[in-house]
Amino acid sequence: MNISEITANSRNVEIEATVIEKDDSREINTRHGATRISNAKIEDATGSIKLVLWGDETEKIKQGDRIKIENGFVKEWNGELQLSVGLYGKLTVL
């Protein structure tokens, strides 16, 4: 799958991309307790998308890394598509 093919509510997203930006992680409170969150921007030859990182994922990648996401999902937030790995997905640094 290419980034240009991703739409709101896409499921089972499998993609390889390069991390072009990564924000520092910050702690937030959720209904499940405190956790860390960070945003990154990834791109492939067809476009870019925001990647939302949760918990241990926030420290797993850095700018310039090539990554693979398996079984990811997409939501739209404030008019912007956001890709997440979620509980059942996998994020691998290549």
PDB file of N, CA and C in Angstrom:
ATOM      1  N   MET A   1       0.852  -1.181   0.000  1.00  0.00           N
ATOM      2  CA  MET A   1       0.000   0.000   0.000  1.00  0.00           C
ATOM      3  C   MET A   1       0.898   1.244   0.000  1.00  0.00           C
ATOM      4  N   ASN A   2       0.461   2.266  -0.709  1.00  0.00           N
ATOM      5  CA  ASN A   2       1.159   3.545  -0.717  1.00  0.00           C
ATOM      6  C   ASN A   2       0.401   4.554   0.141  1.00  0.00           C
ATOM      7  N   ILE A   3       1.092   5.556   0.622  1.00  0.00           N
ATOM      8  CA  ILE A   3       0.452   6.585   1.439  1.00  0.00           C
ATOM      9  C   ILE A   3      -0.674   7.268   0.664  1.00  0.00           C
ATOM     10  N   SER A   4      -0.494   7.466  -0.635  1.00  0.00           N
ATOM     11  CA  SER A   4      -1.532   8.127  -1.435  1.00  0.00           C
ATOM     12  C   SER A   4      -2.832   7.332  -1.493  1.00  0.00           C
ATOM     13  N   GLU A   5      -2.789   6.038  -1.183  1.00  0.00           N
ATOM     14  CA  GLU A   5      -3.979   5.183  -1.212  1.00  0.00           C
ATOM     15  C   GLU A   5      -4.730   5.174   0.123  1.00  0.00           C
ATOM     16  N   ILE A   6      -4.156   5.760   1.152  1.00  0.00           N
ATOM     17  CA  ILE A   6      -4.761   5.747   2.480  1.00  0.00           C
ATOM     18  C   ILE A   6      -5.909   6.742   2.539  1.00  0.00           C
ATOM     19  N   THR A   7      -7.013   6.303   3.138  1.00  0.00           N
ATOM     20  CA  THR A   7      -8.167   7.171   3.329  1.00  0.00           C
ATOM     21  C   THR A   7      -8.581   7.119   4.802  1.00  0.00           C
ATOM     22  N   ALA A   8      -9.471   8.024   5.189  1.00  0.00           N
ATOM     23  CA  ALA A   8      -9.995   7.996   6.559  1.00  0.00           C
ATOM     24  C   ALA A   8     -10.655   6.639   6.787  1.00  0.00           C
ATOM     25  N   ASN A   9     -10.435   6.085   7.938  1.00  0.00           N
ATOM     26  CA  ASN A   9     -10.982   4.791   8.334  1.00  0.00           C
ATOM     27  C   ASN A   9     -10.366   3.597   7.603  1.00  0.00           C
ATOM     28  N   SER A  10      -9.190   3.774   6.968  1.00  0.00           N
ATOM     29  CA  SER A  10      -8.473   2.632   6.385  1.00  0.00           C
ATOM     30  C   SER A  10      -8.083   1.677   7.500  1.00  0.00           C
ATOM     31  N   ARG A  11      -8.147   0.398   7.225  1.00  0.00           N
ATOM     32  CA  ARG A  11      -7.782  -0.642   8.186  1.00  0.00           C
ATOM     33  C   ARG A  11      -6.767  -1.575   7.539  1.00  0.00           C
ATOM     34  N   ASN A  12      -6.102  -2.373   8.353  1.00  0.00           N
ATOM     35  CA  ASN A  12      -5.104  -3.332   7.875  1.00  0.00           C
ATOM     36  C   ASN A  12      -4.061  -2.684   6.976  1.00  0.00           C
ATOM     37  N   VAL A  13      -3.616  -1.492   7.366  1.00  0.00           N
ATOM     38  CA  VAL A  13      -2.638  -0.753   6.574  1.00  0.00           C
ATOM     39  C   VAL A  13      -1.266  -1.401   6.720  1.00  0.00           C
ATOM     40  N   GLU A  14      -0.669  -1.741   5.607  1.00  0.00           N
ATOM     41  CA  GLU A  14       0.715  -2.222   5.573  1.00  0.00           C
ATOM     42  C   GLU A  14       1.486  -1.284   4.681  1.00  0.00           C
ATOM     43  N   ILE A  15       2.541  -0.695   5.253  1.00  0.00           N
ATOM     44  CA  ILE A  15       3.264   0.334   4.525  1.00  0.00           C
ATOM     45  C   ILE A  15       4.718   0.387   4.978  1.00  0.00           C
ATOM     46  N   GLU A  16       5.602   0.742   4.062  1.00  0.00           N
ATOM     47  CA  GLU A  16       6.992   1.053   4.384  1.00  0.00           C
ATOM     48  C   GLU A  16       7.196   2.516   4.060  1.00  0.00           C
ATOM     49  N   ALA A  17       7.853   3.235   4.965  1.00  0.00           N
ATOM     50  CA  ALA A  17       8.030   4.670   4.788  1.00  0.00           C
ATOM     51  C   ALA A  17       9.253   5.136   5.566  1.00  0.00           C
ATOM     52  N   THR A  18       9.620   6.397   5.346  1.00  0.00           N
ATOM     53  CA  THR A  18      10.748   7.025   6.033  1.00  0.00           C
ATOM     54  C   THR A  18      10.225   8.083   6.991  1.00  0.00           C
ATOM     55  N   VAL A  19      10.782   8.108   8.199  1.00  0.00           N
ATOM     56  CA  VAL A  19      10.412   9.116   9.194  1.00  0.00           C
ATOM     57  C   VAL A  19      11.120  10.422   8.821  1.00  0.00           C
ATOM     58  N   ILE A  20      10.350  11.460   8.502  1.00  0.00           N
ATOM     59  CA  ILE A  20      10.961  12.736   8.112  1.00  0.00           C
ATOM     60  C   ILE A  20      10.915  13.775   9.228  1.00  0.00           C
ATOM     61  N   GLU A  21      10.021  13.593  10.200  1.00  0.00           N
ATOM     62  CA  GLU A  21       9.956  14.465  11.376  1.00  0.00           C
ATOM     63  C   GLU A  21       9.488  13.634  12.551  1.00  0.00           C
ATOM     64  N   LYS A  22       9.936  13.993  13.750  1.00  0.00           N
ATOM     65  CA  LYS A  22       9.430  13.333  14.956  1.00  0.00           C
ATOM     66  C   LYS A  22       9.453  14.335  16.100  1.00  0.00           C
ATOM     67  N   ASP A  23       8.298  14.505  16.732  1.00  0.00           N
ATOM     68  CA  ASP A  23       8.180  15.393  17.889  1.00  0.00           C
ATOM     69  C   ASP A  23       8.682  14.681  19.136  1.00  0.00           C
ATOM     70  N   ASP A  24       9.061  15.464  20.140  1.00  0.00           N
ATOM     71  CA  ASP A  24       9.392  14.892  21.443  1.00  0.00           C
ATOM     72  C   ASP A  24       8.139  14.260  22.027  1.00  0.00           C
ATOM     73  N   SER A  25       8.332  13.217  22.834  1.00  0.00           N
ATOM     74  CA  SER A  25       7.180  12.582  23.457  1.00  0.00           C
ATOM     75  C   SER A  25       6.730  13.409  24.665  1.00  0.00           C
ATOM     76  N   ARG A  26       5.468  13.249  25.013  1.00  0.00           N
ATOM     77  CA  ARG A  26       4.906  13.940  26.169  1.00  0.00           C
ATOM     78  C   ARG A  26       3.971  12.979  26.888  1.00  0.00           C
ATOM     79  N   GLU A  27       3.743  13.226  28.161  1.00  0.00           N
ATOM     80  CA  GLU A  27       2.870  12.354  28.937  1.00  0.00           C
ATOM     81  C   GLU A  27       1.459  12.910  28.930  1.00  0.00           C
ATOM     82  N   ILE A  28       0.489  12.012  28.739  1.00  0.00           N
ATOM     83  CA  ILE A  28      -0.915  12.397  28.786  1.00  0.00           C
ATOM     84  C   ILE A  28      -1.663  11.421  29.677  1.00  0.00           C
ATOM     85  N   ASN A  29      -2.828  11.828  30.131  1.00  0.00           N
ATOM     86  CA  ASN A  29      -3.700  10.956  30.910  1.00  0.00           C
ATOM     87  C   ASN A  29      -4.843  10.493  30.022  1.00  0.00           C
ATOM     88  N   THR A  30      -5.065   9.188  29.993  1.00  0.00           N
ATOM     89  CA  THR A  30      -6.169   8.614  29.243  1.00  0.00           C
ATOM     90  C   THR A  30      -7.101   7.912  30.226  1.00  0.00           C
ATOM     91  N   ARG A  31      -8.171   7.369  29.722  1.00  0.00           N
ATOM     92  CA  ARG A  31      -9.086   6.638  30.612  1.00  0.00           C
ATOM     93  C   ARG A  31      -8.436   5.368  31.145  1.00  0.00           C
ATOM     94  N   HIS A  32      -7.323   4.945  30.538  1.00  0.00           N
ATOM     95  CA  HIS A  32      -6.590   3.756  30.991  1.00  0.00           C
ATOM     96  C   HIS A  32      -5.385   4.124  31.859  1.00  0.00           C
ATOM     97  N   GLY A  33      -5.207   5.412  32.141  1.00  0.00           N
ATOM     98  CA  GLY A  33      -4.079   5.869  32.946  1.00  0.00           C
ATOM     99  C   GLY A  33      -3.108   6.700  32.128  1.00  0.00           C
ATOM    100  N   ALA A  34      -1.987   7.041  32.740  1.00  0.00           N
ATOM    101  CA  ALA A  34      -0.982   7.880  32.088  1.00  0.00           C
ATOM    102  C   ALA A  34      -0.193   7.064  31.055  1.00  0.00           C
ATOM    103  N   THR A  35       0.149   7.725  29.949  1.00  0.00           N
ATOM    104  CA  THR A  35       0.982   7.110  28.915  1.00  0.00           C
ATOM    105  C   THR A  35       1.733   8.208  28.176  1.00  0.00           C
ATOM    106  N   ARG A  36       2.661   7.799  27.347  1.00  0.00           N
ATOM    107  CA  ARG A  36       3.424   8.745  26.543  1.00  0.00           C
ATOM    108  C   ARG A  36       2.867   8.726  25.126  1.00  0.00           C
ATOM    109  N   ILE A  37       2.939   9.886  24.465  1.00  0.00           N
ATOM    110  CA  ILE A  37       2.470  10.016  23.086  1.00  0.00           C
ATOM    111  C   ILE A  37       3.440  10.914  22.326  1.00  0.00           C
ATOM    112  N   SER A  38       3.587  10.643  21.051  1.00  0.00           N
ATOM    113  CA  SER A  38       4.430  11.455  20.191  1.00  0.00           C
ATOM    114  C   SER A  38       3.873  11.390  18.774  1.00  0.00           C
ATOM    115  N   ASN A  39       4.095  12.435  18.013  1.00  0.00           N
ATOM    116  CA  ASN A  39       3.685  12.463  16.611  1.00  0.00           C
ATOM    117  C   ASN A  39       4.925  12.448  15.733  1.00  0.00           C
ATOM    118  N   ALA A  40       4.804  11.791  14.598  1.00  0.00           N
ATOM    119  CA  ALA A  40       5.873  11.767  13.606  1.00  0.00           C
ATOM    120  C   ALA A  40       5.228  11.982  12.243  1.00  0.00           C
ATOM    121  N   LYS A  41       6.026  12.382  11.296  1.00  0.00           N
ATOM    122  CA  LYS A  41       5.558  12.496   9.918  1.00  0.00           C
ATOM    123  C   LYS A  41       6.377  11.509   9.103  1.00  0.00           C
ATOM    124  N   ILE A  42       5.670  10.653   8.349  1.00  0.00           N
ATOM    125  CA  ILE A  42       6.359   9.672   7.520  1.00  0.00           C
ATOM    126  C   ILE A  42       5.997   9.910   6.063  1.00  0.00           C
ATOM    127  N   GLU A  43       6.890   9.470   5.161  1.00  0.00           N
ATOM    128  CA  GLU A  43       6.615   9.654   3.743  1.00  0.00           C
ATOM    129  C   GLU A  43       7.133   8.487   2.930  1.00  0.00           C
ATOM    130  N   ASP A  44       6.492   8.295   1.790  1.00  0.00           N
ATOM    131  CA  ASP A  44       7.002   7.394   0.774  1.00  0.00           C
ATOM    132  C   ASP A  44       7.009   8.190  -0.532  1.00  0.00           C
ATOM    133  N   ALA A  45       7.185   7.523  -1.652  1.00  0.00           N
ATOM    134  CA  ALA A  45       7.278   8.229  -2.934  1.00  0.00           C
ATOM    135  C   ALA A  45       5.967   8.894  -3.343  1.00  0.00           C
ATOM    136  N   THR A  46       4.855   8.517  -2.689  1.00  0.00           N
ATOM    137  CA  THR A  46       3.546   9.025  -3.109  1.00  0.00           C
ATOM    138  C   THR A  46       2.960  10.102  -2.204  1.00  0.00           C
ATOM    139  N   GLY A  47       3.553  10.329  -1.026  1.00  0.00           N
ATOM    140  CA  GLY A  47       3.010  11.341  -0.130  1.00  0.00           C
ATOM    141  C   GLY A  47       3.484  11.168   1.293  1.00  0.00           C
ATOM    142  N   SER A  48       2.830  11.891   2.212  1.00  0.00           N
ATOM    143  CA  SER A  48       3.199  11.828   3.628  1.00  0.00           C
ATOM    144  C   SER A  48       1.934  11.772   4.480  1.00  0.00           C
ATOM    145  N   ILE A  49       2.109  11.315   5.731  1.00  0.00           N
ATOM    146  CA  ILE A  49       1.001  11.205   6.674  1.00  0.00           C
ATOM    147  C   ILE A  49       1.551  11.310   8.090  1.00  0.00           C
ATOM    148  N   LYS A  50       0.705  11.769   9.014  1.00  0.00           N
ATOM    149  CA  LYS A  50       1.086  11.823  10.425  1.00  0.00           C
ATOM    150  C   LYS A  50       0.968  10.428  11.023  1.00  0.00           C
ATOM    151  N   LEU A  51       1.967  10.034  11.793  1.00  0.00           N
ATOM    152  CA  LEU A  51       1.971   8.766  12.511  1.00  0.00           C
ATOM    153  C   LEU A  51       1.901   9.086  13.996  1.00  0.00           C
ATOM    154  N   VAL A  52       0.918   8.528  14.692  1.00  0.00           N
ATOM    155  CA  VAL A  52       0.762   8.741  16.127  1.00  0.00           C
ATOM    156  C   VAL A  52       1.392   7.557  16.850  1.00  0.00           C
ATOM    157  N   LEU A  53       2.328   7.852  17.754  1.00  0.00           N
ATOM    158  CA  LEU A  53       3.058   6.825  18.502  1.00  0.00           C
ATOM    159  C   LEU A  53       2.604   6.847  19.949  1.00  0.00           C
ATOM    160  N   TRP A  54       2.354   5.664  20.522  1.00  0.00           N
ATOM    161  CA  TRP A  54       1.869   5.540  21.887  1.00  0.00           C
ATOM    162  C   TRP A  54       2.826   4.696  22.705  1.00  0.00           C
ATOM    163  N   GLY A  55       2.965   5.011  23.994  1.00  0.00           N
ATOM    164  CA  GLY A  55       3.738   4.190  24.925  1.00  0.00           C
ATOM    165  C   GLY A  55       5.185   3.993  24.485  1.00  0.00           C
ATOM    166  N   ASP A  56       5.640   2.728  24.486  1.00  0.00           N
ATOM    167  CA  ASP A  56       7.024   2.413  24.133  1.00  0.00           C
ATOM    168  C   ASP A  56       7.369   2.764  22.697  1.00  0.00           C
ATOM    169  N   GLU A  57       6.367   2.855  21.821  1.00  0.00           N
ATOM    170  CA  GLU A  57       6.625   3.221  20.425  1.00  0.00           C
ATOM    171  C   GLU A  57       7.264   4.605  20.313  1.00  0.00           C
ATOM    172  N   THR A  58       7.008   5.482  21.296  1.00  0.00           N
ATOM    173  CA  THR A  58       7.511   6.854  21.213  1.00  0.00           C
ATOM    174  C   THR A  58       9.029   6.907  21.182  1.00  0.00           C
ATOM    175  N   GLU A  59       9.691   5.904  21.746  1.00  0.00           N
ATOM    176  CA  GLU A  59      11.152   5.884  21.772  1.00  0.00           C
ATOM    177  C   GLU A  59      11.746   4.923  20.747  1.00  0.00           C
ATOM    178  N   LYS A  60      10.903   4.252  19.992  1.00  0.00           N
ATOM    179  CA  LYS A  60      11.359   3.202  19.077  1.00  0.00           C
ATOM    180  C   LYS A  60      11.962   3.744  17.779  1.00  0.00           C
ATOM    181  N   ILE A  61      11.473   4.895  17.322  1.00  0.00           N
ATOM    182  CA  ILE A  61      11.937   5.426  16.046  1.00  0.00           C
ATOM    183  C   ILE A  61      12.557   6.806  16.214  1.00  0.00           C
ATOM    184  N   LYS A  62      13.318   7.201  15.186  1.00  0.00           N
ATOM    185  CA  LYS A  62      13.883   8.545  15.160  1.00  0.00           C
ATOM    186  C   LYS A  62      13.854   9.062  13.725  1.00  0.00           C
ATOM    187  N   GLN A  63      14.067  10.345  13.560  1.00  0.00           N
ATOM    188  CA  GLN A  63      14.068  10.949  12.235  1.00  0.00           C
ATOM    189  C   GLN A  63      15.116  10.262  11.365  1.00  0.00           C
ATOM    190  N   GLY A  64      14.731   9.954  10.138  1.00  0.00           N
ATOM    191  CA  GLY A  64      15.628   9.295   9.192  1.00  0.00           C
ATOM    192  C   GLY A  64      15.457   7.782   9.123  1.00  0.00           C
ATOM    193  N   ASP A  65      14.787   7.183  10.119  1.00  0.00           N
ATOM    194  CA  ASP A  65      14.574   5.734  10.121  1.00  0.00           C
ATOM    195  C   ASP A  65      13.638   5.324   8.988  1.00  0.00           C
ATOM    196  N   ARG A  66      13.890   4.155   8.446  1.00  0.00           N
ATOM    197  CA  ARG A  66      12.963   3.511   7.510  1.00  0.00           C
ATOM    198  C   ARG A  66      12.157   2.512   8.342  1.00  0.00           C
ATOM    199  N   ILE A  67      10.837   2.590   8.246  1.00  0.00           N
ATOM    200  CA  ILE A  67       9.985   1.759   9.091  1.00  0.00           C
ATOM    201  C   ILE A  67       8.969   0.975   8.259  1.00  0.00           C
ATOM    202  N   LYS A  68       8.454  -0.075   8.875  1.00  0.00           N
ATOM    203  CA  LYS A  68       7.363  -0.857   8.291  1.00  0.00           C
ATOM    204  C   LYS A  68       6.241  -0.928   9.318  1.00  0.00           C
ATOM    205  N   ILE A  69       5.044  -0.657   8.864  1.00  0.00           N
ATOM    206  CA  ILE A  69       3.862  -0.754   9.717  1.00  0.00           C
ATOM    207  C   ILE A  69       2.981  -1.857   9.150  1.00  0.00           C
ATOM    208  N   GLU A  70       2.551  -2.758  10.038  1.00  0.00           N
ATOM    209  CA  GLU A  70       1.660  -3.837   9.649  1.00  0.00           C
ATOM    210  C   GLU A  70       0.389  -3.747  10.476  1.00  0.00           C
ATOM    211  N   ASN A  71      -0.734  -3.928   9.836  1.00  0.00           N
ATOM    212  CA  ASN A  71      -2.044  -3.928  10.483  1.00  0.00           C
ATOM    213  C   ASN A  71      -2.344  -2.602  11.200  1.00  0.00           C
ATOM    214  N   GLY A  72      -1.924  -1.500  10.597  1.00  0.00           N
ATOM    215  CA  GLY A  72      -2.220  -0.185  11.151  1.00  0.00           C
ATOM    216  C   GLY A  72      -3.635   0.258  10.788  1.00  0.00           C
ATOM    217  N   PHE A  73      -4.070   1.366  11.372  1.00  0.00           N
ATOM    218  CA  PHE A  73      -5.384   1.915  11.047  1.00  0.00           C
ATOM    219  C   PHE A  73      -5.302   3.436  10.984  1.00  0.00           C
ATOM    220  N   VAL A  74      -6.261   4.037  10.301  1.00  0.00           N
ATOM    221  CA  VAL A  74      -6.257   5.480  10.079  1.00  0.00           C
ATOM    222  C   VAL A  74      -7.545   6.080  10.625  1.00  0.00           C
ATOM    223  N   LYS A  75      -7.385   7.215  11.277  1.00  0.00           N
ATOM    224  CA  LYS A  75      -8.529   8.018  11.716  1.00  0.00           C
ATOM    225  C   LYS A  75      -8.291   9.442  11.237  1.00  0.00           C
ATOM    226  N   GLU A  76      -9.364  10.198  11.175  1.00  0.00           N
ATOM    227  CA  GLU A  76      -9.242  11.610  10.830  1.00  0.00           C
ATOM    228  C   GLU A  76      -9.472  12.428  12.088  1.00  0.00           C
ATOM    229  N   TRP A  77      -8.569  13.380  12.373  1.00  0.00           N
ATOM    230  CA  TRP A  77      -8.678  14.236  13.545  1.00  0.00           C
ATOM    231  C   TRP A  77      -8.418  15.674  13.102  1.00  0.00           C
ATOM    232  N   ASN A  78      -9.371  16.544  13.326  1.00  0.00           N
ATOM    233  CA  ASN A  78      -9.269  17.952  12.921  1.00  0.00           C
ATOM    234  C   ASN A  78      -8.915  18.093  11.445  1.00  0.00           C
ATOM    235  N   GLY A  79      -9.521  17.254  10.601  1.00  0.00           N
ATOM    236  CA  GLY A  79      -9.313  17.335   9.168  1.00  0.00           C
ATOM    237  C   GLY A  79      -8.010  16.728   8.669  1.00  0.00           C
ATOM    238  N   GLU A  80      -7.268  16.069   9.551  1.00  0.00           N
ATOM    239  CA  GLU A  80      -5.976  15.494   9.178  1.00  0.00           C
ATOM    240  C   GLU A  80      -6.002  13.977   9.388  1.00  0.00           C
ATOM    241  N   LEU A  81      -5.499  13.227   8.402  1.00  0.00           N
ATOM    242  CA  LEU A  81      -5.404  11.781   8.541  1.00  0.00           C
ATOM    243  C   LEU A  81      -4.261  11.429   9.480  1.00  0.00           C
ATOM    244  N   GLN A  82      -4.515  10.483  10.394  1.00  0.00           N
ATOM    245  CA  GLN A  82      -3.502  10.048  11.356  1.00  0.00           C
ATOM    246  C   GLN A  82      -3.433   8.528  11.357  1.00  0.00           C
ATOM    247  N   LEU A  83      -2.237   8.016  11.124  1.00  0.00           N
ATOM    248  CA  LEU A  83      -1.992   6.580  11.110  1.00  0.00           C
ATOM    249  C   LEU A  83      -1.531   6.140  12.492  1.00  0.00           C
ATOM    250  N   SER A  84      -2.085   5.037  12.989  1.00  0.00           N
ATOM    251  CA  SER A  84      -1.693   4.476  14.282  1.00  0.00           C
ATOM    252  C   SER A  84      -1.464   2.982  14.133  1.00  0.00           C
ATOM    253  N   VAL A  85      -0.613   2.435  14.997  1.00  0.00           N
ATOM    254  CA  VAL A  85      -0.351   1.002  14.993  1.00  0.00           C
ATOM    255  C   VAL A  85      -1.403   0.288  15.827  1.00  0.00           C
ATOM    256  N   GLY A  86      -1.773   0.840  16.963  1.00  0.00           N
ATOM    257  CA  GLY A  86      -2.801   0.242  17.804  1.00  0.00           C
ATOM    258  C   GLY A  86      -2.337  -1.034  18.496  1.00  0.00           C
ATOM    259  N   LEU A  87      -3.267  -1.700  19.149  1.00  0.00           N
ATOM    260  CA  LEU A  87      -2.965  -2.902  19.915  1.00  0.00           C
ATOM    261  C   LEU A  87      -2.607  -4.101  19.054  1.00  0.00           C
ATOM    262  N   TYR A  88      -3.171  -4.175  17.862  1.00  0.00           N
ATOM    263  CA  TYR A  88      -3.019  -5.375  17.041  1.00  0.00           C
ATOM    264  C   TYR A  88      -2.053  -5.178  15.875  1.00  0.00           C
ATOM    265  N   GLY A  89      -1.471  -3.999  15.757  1.00  0.00           N
ATOM    266  CA  GLY A  89      -0.526  -3.715  14.689  1.00  0.00           C
ATOM    267  C   GLY A  89       0.912  -3.919  15.142  1.00  0.00           C
ATOM    268  N   LYS A  90       1.823  -3.696  14.206  1.00  0.00           N
ATOM    269  CA  LYS A  90       3.245  -3.892  14.489  1.00  0.00           C
ATOM    270  C   LYS A  90       4.042  -2.798  13.791  1.00  0.00           C
ATOM    271  N   LEU A  91       5.003  -2.228  14.510  1.00  0.00           N
ATOM    272  CA  LEU A  91       5.911  -1.223  13.988  1.00  0.00           C
ATOM    273  C   LEU A  91       7.323  -1.792  14.049  1.00  0.00           C
ATOM    274  N   THR A  92       8.001  -1.841  12.890  1.00  0.00           N
ATOM    275  CA  THR A  92       9.346  -2.387  12.815  1.00  0.00           C
ATOM    276  C   THR A  92      10.277  -1.365  12.184  1.00  0.00           C
ATOM    277  N   VAL A  93      11.447  -1.178  12.783  1.00  0.00           N
ATOM    278  CA  VAL A  93      12.476  -0.338  12.170  1.00  0.00           C
ATOM    279  C   VAL A  93      13.274  -1.232  11.238  1.00  0.00           C
ATOM    280  N   LEU A  94      13.348  -0.848   9.974  1.00  0.00           N
ATOM    281  CA  LEU A  94      14.040  -1.663   8.969  1.00  0.00           C
ATOM    282  C   LEU A  94      15.539  -1.374   8.938  1.00  0.00           C
TER     283      LEU A  94
END
